[in-house]
Amino acid sequence: MQAEPEGADVHAVGAAISVCAKAGRWQEAIALLEGMEAHGLEPNAVVFTAAITACGRAKQWKKALELFHTMEKRGLPLPTASFNAAISAAG
């Protein structure tokens, strides 16, 4: 049996958060993000951006900006997609 590639679980959770964003289920997206660390997973910029997008689509701009600031505090890269998601949420 081949070992699971490092980060595969992070990618799976990120995909689930993206699905939540498309379905307008921002609370579930946040729950998945918050549950990652409880399971020993470190969210990356892609995961945070998906969560920011979920919040923005649900007009939860305060939570979206909070997540963006969390990315900054953690020293994660801030890709253009993250800025765009935060700006859209604030708009």
N, C-alpha and C. Protein backbone atom coordinates (compact mmCIF):
# COMPACT_ATOMS: atom_id res chain seq x y z
N MET A 1 0.84 -1.17 0.00
CA MET A 1 0.00 0.00 0.00
C MET A 1 0.89 1.24 0.00
N GLN A 2 0.57 2.18 -0.85
CA GLN A 2 1.35 3.41 -0.97
C GLN A 2 0.90 4.42 0.08
N ALA A 3 1.87 5.13 0.67
CA ALA A 3 1.55 6.14 1.68
C ALA A 3 0.83 7.31 1.03
N GLU A 4 -0.02 7.93 1.81
CA GLU A 4 -0.77 9.10 1.34
C GLU A 4 0.19 10.28 1.19
N PRO A 5 0.12 11.02 0.09
CA PRO A 5 1.00 12.17 -0.08
C PRO A 5 0.78 13.19 1.01
N GLU A 6 1.88 13.80 1.47
CA GLU A 6 1.79 14.82 2.49
C GLU A 6 0.90 15.96 2.00
N GLY A 7 0.01 16.40 2.86
CA GLY A 7 -0.87 17.50 2.51
C GLY A 7 -2.17 17.08 1.84
N ALA A 8 -2.33 15.78 1.59
CA ALA A 8 -3.55 15.33 0.90
C ALA A 8 -4.79 15.66 1.72
N ASP A 9 -4.72 15.52 3.04
CA ASP A 9 -5.87 15.84 3.88
C ASP A 9 -6.18 17.32 3.83
N VAL A 10 -5.15 18.16 3.80
CA VAL A 10 -5.36 19.60 3.70
C VAL A 10 -6.07 19.93 2.40
N HIS A 11 -5.67 19.29 1.32
CA HIS A 11 -6.31 19.52 0.03
C HIS A 11 -7.76 19.05 0.03
N ALA A 12 -8.02 17.93 0.70
CA ALA A 12 -9.38 17.41 0.76
C ALA A 12 -10.29 18.36 1.55
N VAL A 13 -9.79 18.88 2.66
CA VAL A 13 -10.58 19.83 3.45
C VAL A 13 -10.78 21.12 2.65
N GLY A 14 -9.75 21.56 1.96
CA GLY A 14 -9.87 22.75 1.12
C GLY A 14 -10.93 22.57 0.05
N ALA A 15 -10.98 21.39 -0.54
CA ALA A 15 -12.01 21.11 -1.55
C ALA A 15 -13.39 21.12 -0.92
N ALA A 16 -13.52 20.57 0.27
CA ALA A 16 -14.81 20.57 0.96
C ALA A 16 -15.25 22.00 1.30
N ILE A 17 -14.30 22.83 1.71
CA ILE A 17 -14.62 24.23 2.01
C ILE A 17 -15.07 24.94 0.74
N SER A 18 -14.43 24.65 -0.37
CA SER A 18 -14.84 25.25 -1.65
C SER A 18 -16.27 24.85 -2.03
N VAL A 19 -16.61 23.61 -1.78
CA VAL A 19 -17.97 23.14 -2.05
C VAL A 19 -18.96 23.90 -1.15
N CYS A 20 -18.59 24.07 0.11
CA CYS A 20 -19.45 24.84 1.03
C CYS A 20 -19.64 26.26 0.52
N ALA A 21 -18.56 26.86 0.01
CA ALA A 21 -18.64 28.23 -0.51
C ALA A 21 -19.62 28.30 -1.66
N LYS A 22 -19.55 27.35 -2.57
CA LYS A 22 -20.45 27.35 -3.73
C LYS A 22 -21.90 27.11 -3.32
N ALA A 23 -22.10 26.39 -2.21
CA ALA A 23 -23.45 26.07 -1.75
C ALA A 23 -23.99 27.13 -0.79
N GLY A 24 -23.19 28.14 -0.50
CA GLY A 24 -23.64 29.19 0.41
C GLY A 24 -23.66 28.77 1.86
N ARG A 25 -22.84 27.80 2.21
CA ARG A 25 -22.83 27.26 3.57
C ARG A 25 -21.56 27.71 4.30
N TRP A 26 -21.51 29.00 4.58
CA TRP A 26 -20.31 29.58 5.16
C TRP A 26 -20.02 29.05 6.57
N GLN A 27 -21.04 28.75 7.35
CA GLN A 27 -20.82 28.25 8.70
C GLN A 27 -20.13 26.89 8.69
N GLU A 28 -20.52 26.05 7.76
CA GLU A 28 -19.88 24.75 7.63
C GLU A 28 -18.43 24.91 7.16
N ALA A 29 -18.21 25.88 6.27
CA ALA A 29 -16.85 26.14 5.80
C ALA A 29 -15.96 26.55 6.97
N ILE A 30 -16.45 27.42 7.83
CA ILE A 30 -15.67 27.86 8.99
C ILE A 30 -15.45 26.70 9.95
N ALA A 31 -16.46 25.88 10.15
CA ALA A 31 -16.31 24.72 11.04
C ALA A 31 -15.23 23.77 10.52
N LEU A 32 -15.20 23.56 9.22
CA LEU A 32 -14.15 22.71 8.65
C LEU A 32 -12.77 23.32 8.85
N LEU A 33 -12.66 24.61 8.61
CA LEU A 33 -11.37 25.30 8.79
C LEU A 33 -10.92 25.19 10.24
N GLU A 34 -11.80 25.47 11.16
CA GLU A 34 -11.44 25.44 12.58
C GLU A 34 -11.15 24.02 13.05
N GLY A 35 -11.82 23.05 12.46
CA GLY A 35 -11.58 21.66 12.85
C GLY A 35 -10.26 21.09 12.35
N MET A 36 -9.67 21.72 11.36
CA MET A 36 -8.41 21.22 10.80
C MET A 36 -7.33 21.13 11.87
N GLU A 37 -7.14 22.21 12.60
CA GLU A 37 -6.07 22.24 13.60
C GLU A 37 -6.33 21.25 14.72
N ALA A 38 -7.58 21.03 15.05
CA ALA A 38 -7.92 20.05 16.08
C ALA A 38 -7.49 18.65 15.66
N HIS A 39 -7.37 18.47 14.34
CA HIS A 39 -6.95 17.17 13.81
C HIS A 39 -5.49 17.18 13.35
N GLY A 40 -4.74 18.19 13.77
CA GLY A 40 -3.32 18.23 13.46
C GLY A 40 -2.98 18.68 12.05
N LEU A 41 -3.92 19.36 11.38
CA LEU A 41 -3.67 19.85 10.03
C LEU A 41 -3.48 21.36 10.06
N GLU A 42 -2.53 21.85 9.30
CA GLU A 42 -2.25 23.28 9.23
C GLU A 42 -2.88 23.84 7.95
N PRO A 43 -3.89 24.72 8.10
CA PRO A 43 -4.51 25.30 6.90
C PRO A 43 -3.51 26.14 6.11
N ASN A 44 -3.57 26.03 4.81
CA ASN A 44 -2.68 26.82 3.95
C ASN A 44 -3.46 27.99 3.35
N ALA A 45 -2.80 28.77 2.51
CA ALA A 45 -3.44 29.94 1.91
C ALA A 45 -4.65 29.58 1.05
N VAL A 46 -4.58 28.46 0.37
CA VAL A 46 -5.69 28.03 -0.49
C VAL A 46 -6.93 27.74 0.36
N VAL A 47 -6.74 27.08 1.48
CA VAL A 47 -7.85 26.75 2.37
C VAL A 47 -8.46 28.02 2.95
N PHE A 48 -7.60 28.93 3.41
CA PHE A 48 -8.10 30.19 3.95
C PHE A 48 -8.86 30.98 2.88
N THR A 49 -8.34 31.00 1.67
CA THR A 49 -9.00 31.75 0.60
C THR A 49 -10.38 31.17 0.31
N ALA A 50 -10.50 29.86 0.33
CA ALA A 50 -11.81 29.22 0.12
C ALA A 50 -12.78 29.62 1.23
N ALA A 51 -12.30 29.68 2.46
CA ALA A 51 -13.15 30.07 3.58
C ALA A 51 -13.55 31.55 3.48
N ILE A 52 -12.60 32.39 3.07
CA ILE A 52 -12.89 33.81 2.88
C ILE A 52 -13.96 33.97 1.80
N THR A 53 -13.84 33.21 0.73
CA THR A 53 -14.82 33.24 -0.35
C THR A 53 -16.19 32.82 0.15
N ALA A 54 -16.24 31.77 0.96
CA ALA A 54 -17.52 31.31 1.51
C ALA A 54 -18.17 32.41 2.34
N CYS A 55 -17.38 33.08 3.15
CA CYS A 55 -17.93 34.16 3.98
C CYS A 55 -18.38 35.33 3.12
N GLY A 56 -17.59 35.66 2.12
CA GLY A 56 -17.93 36.77 1.25
C GLY A 56 -19.22 36.54 0.50
N ARG A 57 -19.41 35.35 0.01
CA ARG A 57 -20.65 35.04 -0.73
C ARG A 57 -21.88 35.10 0.17
N ALA A 58 -21.67 34.88 1.47
CA ALA A 58 -22.78 34.91 2.42
C ALA A 58 -22.91 36.28 3.10
N LYS A 59 -22.17 37.27 2.58
CA LYS A 59 -22.21 38.64 3.13
C LYS A 59 -21.71 38.70 4.57
N GLN A 60 -20.82 37.79 4.93
CA GLN A 60 -20.21 37.77 6.26
C GLN A 60 -18.83 38.43 6.17
N TRP A 61 -18.84 39.72 5.86
CA TRP A 61 -17.59 40.42 5.57
C TRP A 61 -16.67 40.53 6.78
N LYS A 62 -17.22 40.66 7.97
CA LYS A 62 -16.37 40.76 9.16
C LYS A 62 -15.57 39.47 9.35
N LYS A 63 -16.22 38.34 9.21
CA LYS A 63 -15.53 37.06 9.36
C LYS A 63 -14.51 36.86 8.24
N ALA A 64 -14.87 37.27 7.03
CA ALA A 64 -13.94 37.15 5.90
C ALA A 64 -12.67 37.95 6.16
N LEU A 65 -12.83 39.19 6.63
CA LEU A 65 -11.65 40.02 6.90
C LEU A 65 -10.86 39.49 8.09
N GLU A 66 -11.54 38.93 9.06
CA GLU A 66 -10.86 38.30 10.20
C GLU A 66 -9.96 37.15 9.71
N LEU A 67 -10.49 36.35 8.81
CA LEU A 67 -9.70 35.24 8.26
C LEU A 67 -8.50 35.76 7.47
N PHE A 68 -8.70 36.83 6.72
CA PHE A 68 -7.59 37.41 5.96
C PHE A 68 -6.49 37.89 6.91
N HIS A 69 -6.88 38.53 7.99
CA HIS A 69 -5.90 39.00 8.97
C HIS A 69 -5.20 37.83 9.67
N THR A 70 -5.92 36.74 9.87
CA THR A 70 -5.31 35.55 10.45
C THR A 70 -4.22 35.01 9.52
N MET A 71 -4.49 35.04 8.22
CA MET A 71 -3.47 34.62 7.26
C MET A 71 -2.21 35.46 7.42
N GLU A 72 -2.40 36.78 7.52
CA GLU A 72 -1.27 37.69 7.68
C GLU A 72 -0.49 37.37 8.95
N LYS A 73 -1.19 37.20 10.06
CA LYS A 73 -0.55 36.93 11.34
C LYS A 73 0.25 35.64 11.32
N ARG A 74 -0.23 34.66 10.57
CA ARG A 74 0.45 33.37 10.50
C ARG A 74 1.61 33.37 9.50
N GLY A 75 1.75 34.47 8.79
CA GLY A 75 2.83 34.55 7.82
C GLY A 75 2.60 33.74 6.56
N LEU A 76 1.34 33.45 6.28
CA LEU A 76 1.02 32.71 5.06
C LEU A 76 1.16 33.63 3.86
N PRO A 77 1.47 33.07 2.71
CA PRO A 77 1.48 33.90 1.50
C PRO A 77 0.09 34.48 1.27
N LEU A 78 0.06 35.67 0.72
CA LEU A 78 -1.21 36.34 0.44
C LEU A 78 -1.37 36.47 -1.07
N PRO A 79 -1.85 35.39 -1.70
CA PRO A 79 -2.02 35.43 -3.16
C PRO A 79 -3.11 36.40 -3.58
N THR A 80 -3.08 36.77 -4.83
CA THR A 80 -4.07 37.69 -5.39
C THR A 80 -5.49 37.19 -5.12
N ALA A 81 -5.70 35.90 -5.20
CA ALA A 81 -7.03 35.34 -4.96
C ALA A 81 -7.52 35.66 -3.55
N SER A 82 -6.62 35.68 -2.58
CA SER A 82 -7.01 36.00 -1.21
C SER A 82 -7.42 37.46 -1.09
N PHE A 83 -6.64 38.36 -1.71
CA PHE A 83 -6.99 39.77 -1.72
C PHE A 83 -8.33 39.99 -2.40
N ASN A 84 -8.51 39.34 -3.55
CA ASN A 84 -9.77 39.51 -4.29
C ASN A 84 -10.97 39.01 -3.49
N ALA A 85 -10.81 37.88 -2.80
CA ALA A 85 -11.90 37.35 -1.99
C ALA A 85 -12.23 38.28 -0.84
N ALA A 86 -11.20 38.83 -0.20
CA ALA A 86 -11.42 39.76 0.92
C ALA A 86 -12.07 41.05 0.43
N ILE A 87 -11.62 41.56 -0.69
CA ILE A 87 -12.19 42.79 -1.25
C ILE A 87 -13.65 42.57 -1.64
N SER A 88 -13.94 41.43 -2.27
CA SER A 88 -15.32 41.11 -2.64
C SER A 88 -16.21 41.01 -1.41
N ALA A 89 -15.68 40.41 -0.35
CA ALA A 89 -16.45 40.27 0.87
C ALA A 89 -16.76 41.62 1.49
N ALA A 90 -15.78 42.52 1.45
CA ALA A 90 -15.95 43.85 2.05
C ALA A 90 -16.84 44.76 1.20
N GLY A 91 -16.97 44.44 -0.08
CA GLY A 91 -17.74 45.28 -0.98
C GLY A 91 -19.18 45.10 -0.82
